[in-house]
Every structure is written in C-alpha cells, then in structure tokens.
Amino acid sequence: MFASIVLQCGQVLTVMLLAPLLHGFITTVEERVQRGQGPSIFQPYRDLWKLFNKSLMVPESATWLFFWAPIVAFTAMLIVPMLIPVLTNFPLPLSDMGDILGGGLILTLGSFFILLAGLDTGQPFGGLGSSRAVMLGILAEPTLILVFVGITFLDHSMLPFVANHLLAQNPVAYWSPAHIFLILAFFILLTVETDRLPIHSTIPYEIYMIDEARILEYSGPLLALLKWASWMKQFILYTIFLNVFLFPWGLSTDGSFPSVLLALLIILAKYGCIGLLMVGVDTMQSRLRFYRYQEPLALSFLFAVLAIVADQL
C-alpha cells in the first residue's frame, strides 16, 4: 500500500516537474527550426523562479475570482494525474476517484475559472481572450466528449487503464477504423488545447491573443501558477493521447523501481517525439484568421462521429 501511494505521488510529481521541460523543449526546437537562437529548454524553470520571487500587482477592480482562479486551475492539474496512466498501466489507490470523463471535466473546470478571471477585472483584452476561448470551446468541448465516448464504446469501460490494456494487447482493436478516427480527432483537439491551431500565436498583439489575453492582468506568483498550470495541462493531454490512444506501451506493469525508471526514460522519448511533431505542425501551417477556427474543429468532430459509427457497424 505504501509503495502504491509513493507511485501515486510520483505520477503527480512527474507531471509537475516535466511539464515545464516539455514546454521549453518545444519552444527551443521551434525557434531552431525557424533559424532563431531560441532560449534554453530549462528557461521555463527560470521563468517560474523569477515570477515566484516577484511582487504581486492586483487591479483595483479585481474580485475574489482573480485570486482563486490560478489556485483552482493549478489544483485541477494536480488531480488529473491521479486518474490517468502516467507511470503505471494499472490503477493506483486514488485512481477510482473518477473516470476518463471525470478527468476531462476537471480539466475544463480549470479552464473555466481562467475564463472567468479574464472577465473579472473588466480589462478589454481579457474579455477579448475569454470570448474567443468560449467560441473555440463551443466546438472543442463537445468533440472532446465524443472522443472519450468513442474510446468508451471501444473498450466497454470508462477507465483509461482499461483502454490502455485493450489497445496494448489487442492489435485488432488498435488498428480498427474506430480507433484510427479517434486518434485523428484527438490530435486535432491537441492543437486547439495546446495553442497550436493556426489561429493561435504567442505574439502579444491583440489581434492574435487568446489565452495570453486572459492572463494579461496577472503578475508575480499568480502568473507563475497560471503558466505552470497551462504547461501541466499540455503535458496531461499529451499523456492521455500517448498512453491511452497512440502508444499504450512502455509503462510500468509491476510498480518496481527499475520498471518505473524505464517508464520515465520512455516518457522522455515519447514526449520528445510528440513535441517534434507539434513543432512540425505549427511551423508548416500558414496563419489563419480567427473566423477560420471552425474548419479544423469541424473536421475533428467529423472524425469523432465516424469513430462511433465505425465502432457500431
């Protein structure tokens, strides 16, 4: 029992500590691909240290939502790793707190509070970013639910560990049309949820800003929590995509120290590959105007529907 609790804590710490590294790796590689020098892959850790040591500036119009949104978002990202296979392919003591839909709802809860925080101070850019995020969510969230429903139909269970076992041990299920459509639908959703859609940009201009606009009023430790939560969300979504959908192998099967250490090494390799893939997708795509957001999201929705139809035929 004690070993299982240690593994549970290890899953949470893995997400906390490696999420900034993954973000730094993607940012650095993207800059190098575009022939820039780019920051070090460890720059996100330096940014967090700097922000946690800065003073906090609070707008006069801010309410309690402004203070609680970063805390709720960060806490939500600490809960989800308990419910999904990060290091092990078997459930740990607190994994029965929720299923795959429950994990999706917790992720959405964190995003919802950040959305409210963008509106809270009355700052125009915050309202702009929140309104744009809501428009994206109108298509993205139903599609995400359909993807989770599709994998539930495929493995007849709502637990991500069951899906992991089925796809890892059953080649027929892994290469089925339903599963292929789910991978395609989820991959498009990843570009939306991790700011890799062609309408996203990290440039701090109001014409491009979506997620950056919602946290424009934040500074110091609260901004650090928001950025860390965003990087953890990216890591969690990649974890679900890799360990449940795309590559369900390489996790610890018995919880022993050597197998967990091997799982960590495989994690670095898998996440490096998905990071390179995302860099390629983000670099090759031409920038689109915001109103074109419905095209890739509609395609993702179509893939999710096709997956459910293919599973029922």
Protein backbone atom coordinates (compact mmCIF):
# COMPACT_ATOMS: atom_id res chain seq x y z
CA MET A 1 0.00 0.00 0.00
CA PHE A 2 2.82 2.41 0.87
CA ALA A 3 4.54 1.68 -2.45
CA SER A 4 1.30 2.47 -4.32
CA ILE A 5 0.97 5.80 -2.51
CA VAL A 6 4.57 6.64 -3.42
CA LEU A 7 3.82 5.80 -7.07
CA GLN A 8 0.70 7.97 -6.95
CA CYS A 9 2.75 10.90 -5.67
CA GLY A 10 5.38 10.08 -8.28
CA GLN A 11 2.83 10.44 -11.06
CA VAL A 12 1.83 13.90 -9.84
CA LEU A 13 5.47 14.97 -9.41
CA THR A 14 6.31 13.67 -12.89
CA VAL A 15 3.67 15.94 -14.41
CA MET A 16 4.69 18.91 -12.23
CA LEU A 17 8.43 18.66 -12.88
CA LEU A 18 8.49 17.57 -16.52
CA ALA A 19 5.73 19.88 -17.83
CA PRO A 20 8.00 22.98 -17.93
CA LEU A 21 10.74 20.90 -19.56
CA LEU A 22 8.37 19.76 -22.32
CA HIS A 23 7.29 23.35 -22.95
CA GLY A 24 10.91 24.50 -23.04
CA PHE A 25 11.84 21.71 -25.46
CA ILE A 26 9.03 22.60 -27.88
CA THR A 27 9.82 26.33 -27.71
CA THR A 28 13.54 25.79 -28.27
CA VAL A 29 13.11 23.37 -31.17
CA GLU A 30 10.55 25.66 -32.80
CA GLU A 31 12.98 28.59 -32.65
CA ARG A 32 15.80 26.47 -34.09
CA VAL A 33 13.57 25.25 -36.93
CA GLN A 34 12.77 28.87 -37.73
CA ARG A 35 16.53 29.63 -37.68
CA GLY A 36 16.45 31.52 -34.41
CA GLN A 37 18.71 31.03 -31.42
CA GLY A 38 15.89 30.31 -29.02
CA PRO A 39 16.01 30.02 -25.23
CA SER A 40 17.36 27.09 -23.27
CA ILE A 41 14.99 24.18 -22.70
CA PHE A 42 15.30 24.98 -18.99
CA GLN A 43 14.11 28.58 -19.44
CA PRO A 44 10.57 27.80 -18.12
CA TYR A 45 12.07 26.82 -14.75
CA ARG A 46 13.94 30.12 -14.61
CA ASP A 47 10.75 31.98 -15.52
CA LEU A 48 8.82 30.28 -12.71
CA TRP A 49 11.58 31.08 -10.21
CA LYS A 50 11.61 34.71 -11.30
CA LEU A 51 7.82 35.07 -11.12
CA PHE A 52 7.54 33.43 -7.71
CA ASN A 53 10.07 35.93 -6.39
CA LYS A 54 8.32 38.99 -7.83
CA SER A 55 5.76 41.13 -6.05
CA LEU A 56 2.07 40.78 -6.81
CA MET A 57 0.21 43.58 -8.59
CA VAL A 58 -3.57 43.43 -8.33
CA PRO A 59 -6.03 45.55 -10.37
CA GLU A 60 -8.36 47.69 -8.28
CA SER A 61 -11.42 46.16 -9.98
CA ALA A 62 -10.40 42.57 -9.20
CA THR A 63 -12.65 40.38 -7.04
CA TRP A 64 -12.09 37.08 -5.27
CA LEU A 65 -12.21 35.30 -8.65
CA PHE A 66 -8.96 36.97 -9.65
CA PHE A 67 -7.16 35.38 -6.68
CA TRP A 68 -8.81 31.97 -6.74
CA ALA A 69 -8.70 31.22 -10.48
CA PRO A 70 -4.94 30.41 -10.58
CA ILE A 71 -5.24 28.26 -7.45
CA VAL A 72 -8.22 26.30 -8.81
CA ALA A 73 -6.54 25.85 -12.21
CA PHE A 74 -3.29 24.63 -10.66
CA THR A 75 -5.09 22.30 -8.22
CA ALA A 76 -7.14 20.80 -11.04
CA MET A 77 -3.93 19.92 -12.87
CA LEU A 78 -2.68 18.14 -9.75
CA ILE A 79 -5.81 15.96 -9.53
CA VAL A 80 -5.96 14.66 -13.10
CA PRO A 81 -2.59 12.77 -12.99
CA MET A 82 -4.08 10.61 -10.25
CA LEU A 83 -6.74 9.33 -12.67
CA ILE A 84 -4.70 8.53 -15.78
CA PRO A 85 -1.77 6.21 -16.61
CA VAL A 86 1.38 8.31 -16.34
CA LEU A 87 3.95 5.85 -14.98
CA THR A 88 1.97 2.64 -14.47
CA ASN A 89 -0.57 0.76 -16.59
CA PHE A 90 -2.58 -0.29 -13.52
CA PRO A 91 -4.81 1.81 -11.22
CA LEU A 92 -3.28 3.31 -8.10
CA PRO A 93 -5.09 3.97 -4.75
CA LEU A 94 -6.88 7.19 -5.77
CA SER A 95 -7.43 6.31 -9.43
CA ASP A 96 -11.03 5.31 -8.75
CA MET A 97 -11.99 8.90 -7.83
CA GLY A 98 -13.06 9.47 -11.43
CA ASP A 99 -13.08 8.03 -14.93
CA ILE A 100 -11.88 9.49 -18.22
CA LEU A 101 -14.90 11.80 -18.46
CA GLY A 102 -14.31 12.95 -14.89
CA GLY A 103 -10.73 13.85 -15.78
CA GLY A 104 -11.98 15.85 -18.76
CA LEU A 105 -14.43 17.74 -16.55
CA ILE A 106 -11.67 18.61 -14.08
CA LEU A 107 -9.50 19.96 -16.92
CA THR A 108 -12.46 22.01 -18.11
CA LEU A 109 -13.04 23.36 -14.59
CA GLY A 110 -9.56 24.88 -14.52
CA SER A 111 -10.08 26.47 -17.95
CA PHE A 112 -13.48 27.79 -16.87
CA PHE A 113 -12.05 29.64 -13.88
CA ILE A 114 -9.31 31.18 -16.03
CA LEU A 115 -12.01 32.30 -18.45
CA LEU A 116 -13.92 33.97 -15.62
CA ALA A 117 -10.71 35.60 -14.38
CA GLY A 118 -10.21 37.16 -17.82
CA LEU A 119 -13.61 38.82 -17.50
CA ASP A 120 -13.29 39.69 -13.82
CA THR A 121 -11.26 42.90 -13.98
CA GLY A 122 -13.16 44.41 -16.89
CA GLN A 123 -9.97 44.80 -18.89
CA PRO A 124 -10.83 44.77 -22.65
CA PHE A 125 -8.11 42.34 -23.70
CA GLY A 126 -9.22 39.87 -21.03
CA GLY A 127 -12.77 39.99 -22.34
CA LEU A 128 -11.48 39.55 -25.88
CA GLY A 129 -9.44 36.48 -24.96
CA SER A 130 -12.26 34.94 -22.91
CA SER A 131 -14.84 35.46 -25.66
CA ARG A 132 -12.53 33.87 -28.22
CA ALA A 133 -11.83 30.95 -25.88
CA VAL A 134 -15.57 30.38 -25.45
CA MET A 135 -16.09 30.33 -29.22
CA LEU A 136 -13.37 27.69 -29.54
CA GLY A 137 -14.90 25.70 -26.69
CA ILE A 138 -18.29 25.57 -28.41
CA LEU A 139 -16.86 23.04 -30.87
CA ALA A 140 -13.83 21.72 -28.97
CA GLU A 141 -15.53 20.55 -25.77
CA PRO A 142 -18.34 18.51 -27.42
CA THR A 143 -15.73 16.90 -29.68
CA LEU A 144 -13.57 16.00 -26.68
CA ILE A 145 -16.59 14.37 -25.02
CA LEU A 146 -17.31 12.43 -28.22
CA VAL A 147 -13.70 11.21 -28.32
CA PHE A 148 -13.97 9.97 -24.74
CA VAL A 149 -17.34 8.35 -25.51
CA GLY A 150 -15.79 6.72 -28.57
CA ILE A 151 -12.96 5.12 -26.58
CA THR A 152 -15.56 4.03 -24.02
CA PHE A 153 -17.54 2.22 -26.73
CA LEU A 154 -14.34 0.62 -27.99
CA ASP A 155 -13.22 -0.86 -24.64
CA HIS A 156 -16.65 -1.02 -22.91
CA SER A 157 -15.28 0.87 -19.93
CA MET A 158 -14.77 4.49 -18.87
CA LEU A 159 -11.44 3.82 -17.16
CA PRO A 160 -8.36 4.90 -19.13
CA PHE A 161 -6.38 1.95 -17.77
CA VAL A 162 -8.80 -0.49 -19.45
CA ALA A 163 -8.36 1.30 -22.77
CA ASN A 164 -4.59 1.14 -22.31
CA HIS A 165 -4.68 -2.63 -21.74
CA LEU A 166 -7.07 -3.30 -24.63
CA LEU A 167 -5.07 -1.35 -27.21
CA ALA A 168 -1.72 -2.64 -25.96
CA GLN A 169 -2.78 -6.30 -26.07
CA ASN A 170 -5.26 -6.41 -28.96
CA PRO A 171 -3.83 -5.45 -32.39
CA VAL A 172 -7.27 -5.82 -33.99
CA ALA A 173 -8.72 -3.13 -31.71
CA TYR A 174 -5.65 -0.91 -32.11
CA TRP A 175 -5.78 -0.92 -35.92
CA SER A 176 -9.57 -0.74 -36.14
CA PRO A 177 -11.10 2.18 -38.10
CA ALA A 178 -12.81 3.43 -34.94
CA HIS A 179 -9.50 3.77 -33.10
CA ILE A 180 -7.75 5.42 -36.06
CA PHE A 181 -10.54 8.01 -36.32
CA LEU A 182 -10.28 8.68 -32.56
CA ILE A 183 -6.53 9.30 -32.86
CA LEU A 184 -7.08 11.79 -35.70
CA ALA A 185 -9.87 13.58 -33.84
CA PHE A 186 -7.87 13.82 -30.61
CA PHE A 187 -4.75 15.03 -32.42
CA ILE A 188 -6.65 17.97 -33.92
CA LEU A 189 -8.04 18.75 -30.47
CA LEU A 190 -4.48 18.78 -29.11
CA THR A 191 -3.60 21.59 -31.50
CA VAL A 192 -6.52 23.59 -30.11
CA GLU A 193 -6.00 22.90 -26.42
CA THR A 194 -2.22 23.48 -26.58
CA ASP A 195 -2.36 26.66 -28.70
CA ARG A 196 -1.04 25.03 -31.90
CA LEU A 197 -4.04 25.80 -34.09
CA PRO A 198 -3.10 28.17 -36.96
CA ILE A 199 -5.20 30.94 -35.38
CA HIS A 200 -3.11 30.84 -32.19
CA SER A 201 0.02 32.85 -31.65
CA THR A 202 2.28 33.63 -28.71
CA ILE A 203 2.92 37.12 -30.12
CA PRO A 204 1.50 39.63 -27.61
CA TYR A 205 -0.62 41.53 -30.14
CA GLU A 206 -4.32 41.91 -29.51
CA ILE A 207 -5.24 40.62 -32.97
CA TYR A 208 -3.72 37.22 -32.14
CA MET A 209 -4.11 36.83 -28.39
CA ILE A 210 -6.46 34.22 -26.96
CA ASP A 211 -5.01 32.51 -23.90
CA GLU A 212 -2.40 35.22 -23.32
CA ALA A 213 -5.12 37.88 -23.25
CA ARG A 214 -6.99 36.14 -20.42
CA ILE A 215 -4.00 36.34 -18.06
CA LEU A 216 -2.69 39.74 -19.15
CA GLU A 217 -3.54 41.36 -15.80
CA TYR A 218 -1.69 38.76 -13.74
CA SER A 219 1.82 39.12 -12.33
CA GLY A 220 4.14 37.55 -9.79
CA PRO A 221 3.22 34.24 -8.09
CA LEU A 222 -0.32 34.13 -9.50
CA LEU A 223 1.03 34.41 -13.05
CA ALA A 224 3.54 31.66 -12.25
CA LEU A 225 0.71 29.36 -11.13
CA LEU A 226 -1.24 30.07 -14.31
CA LYS A 227 1.71 29.40 -16.59
CA TRP A 228 2.65 26.25 -14.69
CA ALA A 229 -0.97 25.04 -14.85
CA SER A 230 -1.03 25.68 -18.62
CA TRP A 231 2.16 23.65 -19.12
CA MET A 232 0.80 20.85 -16.92
CA LYS A 233 -2.43 20.77 -18.94
CA GLN A 234 -0.37 20.37 -22.10
CA PHE A 235 1.60 17.52 -20.51
CA ILE A 236 -1.61 15.83 -19.28
CA LEU A 237 -3.27 15.99 -22.69
CA TYR A 238 -0.15 14.54 -24.31
CA THR A 239 -0.17 11.81 -21.65
CA ILE A 240 -3.76 10.84 -22.46
CA PHE A 241 -3.02 10.94 -26.19
CA LEU A 242 0.15 8.85 -25.92
CA ASN A 243 -0.56 6.41 -23.08
CA VAL A 244 -4.25 5.79 -23.80
CA PHE A 245 -4.64 6.33 -27.57
CA LEU A 246 -1.44 6.32 -29.63
CA PHE A 247 1.33 4.42 -27.79
CA PRO A 248 -0.08 2.46 -24.83
CA TRP A 249 3.19 0.59 -24.25
CA GLY A 250 6.24 1.36 -22.13
CA LEU A 251 4.54 1.86 -18.75
CA SER A 252 5.45 0.05 -15.55
CA THR A 253 3.49 -3.19 -15.15
CA ASP A 254 4.53 -4.14 -11.62
CA GLY A 255 5.50 -0.86 -9.93
CA SER A 256 9.10 -1.92 -9.27
CA PHE A 257 11.81 0.73 -9.24
CA PRO A 258 13.59 -0.49 -12.43
CA SER A 259 10.33 -0.61 -14.39
CA VAL A 260 9.31 2.88 -13.18
CA LEU A 261 12.74 4.24 -14.10
CA LEU A 262 12.43 2.66 -17.55
CA ALA A 263 8.95 4.18 -17.90
CA LEU A 264 10.44 7.62 -17.13
CA LEU A 265 13.06 7.18 -19.86
CA ILE A 266 10.40 6.07 -22.33
CA ILE A 267 8.32 9.11 -21.34
CA LEU A 268 11.20 11.40 -22.30
CA ALA A 269 11.47 9.67 -25.69
CA LYS A 270 7.71 9.64 -26.38
CA TYR A 271 7.17 13.24 -25.37
CA GLY A 272 10.20 14.32 -27.37
CA CYS A 273 8.64 12.72 -30.45
CA ILE A 274 5.23 14.33 -29.91
CA GLY A 275 6.97 17.64 -29.24
CA LEU A 276 8.81 17.41 -32.58
CA LEU A 277 5.56 16.51 -34.31
CA MET A 278 3.80 19.54 -32.82
CA VAL A 279 6.69 21.79 -33.86
CA GLY A 280 6.38 20.49 -37.41
CA VAL A 281 2.62 21.02 -37.46
CA ASP A 282 2.90 24.53 -36.04
CA THR A 283 5.73 25.52 -38.40
CA MET A 284 4.28 24.17 -41.63
CA GLN A 285 0.80 25.61 -41.18
CA SER A 286 0.02 29.05 -42.53
CA ARG A 287 -1.58 31.52 -40.14
CA LEU A 288 -5.37 31.69 -40.45
CA ARG A 289 -7.81 34.41 -39.47
CA PHE A 290 -9.74 33.69 -36.29
CA TYR A 291 -13.06 33.07 -38.04
CA ARG A 292 -11.49 30.03 -39.76
CA TYR A 293 -11.31 28.21 -36.42
CA GLN A 294 -14.40 26.13 -37.19
CA GLU A 295 -12.77 24.28 -40.11
CA PRO A 296 -10.22 22.10 -38.22
CA LEU A 297 -12.62 21.72 -35.28
CA ALA A 298 -15.42 20.60 -37.58
CA LEU A 299 -13.03 18.04 -39.09
CA SER A 300 -12.18 16.78 -35.63
CA PHE A 301 -15.89 16.50 -34.78
CA LEU A 302 -16.44 14.53 -38.01
CA PHE A 303 -13.63 12.10 -37.15
CA ALA A 304 -15.13 11.55 -33.67
CA VAL A 305 -18.58 10.83 -35.13
CA LEU A 306 -17.07 8.47 -37.72
CA ALA A 307 -15.25 6.63 -34.93
CA ILE A 308 -18.51 6.00 -33.06
CA VAL A 309 -20.32 4.95 -36.26
CA ALA A 310 -17.45 2.62 -37.26
CA ASP A 311 -17.49 1.01 -33.82
CA GLN A 312 -21.23 0.33 -34.03
CA LEU A 313 -21.14 -1.19 -37.53
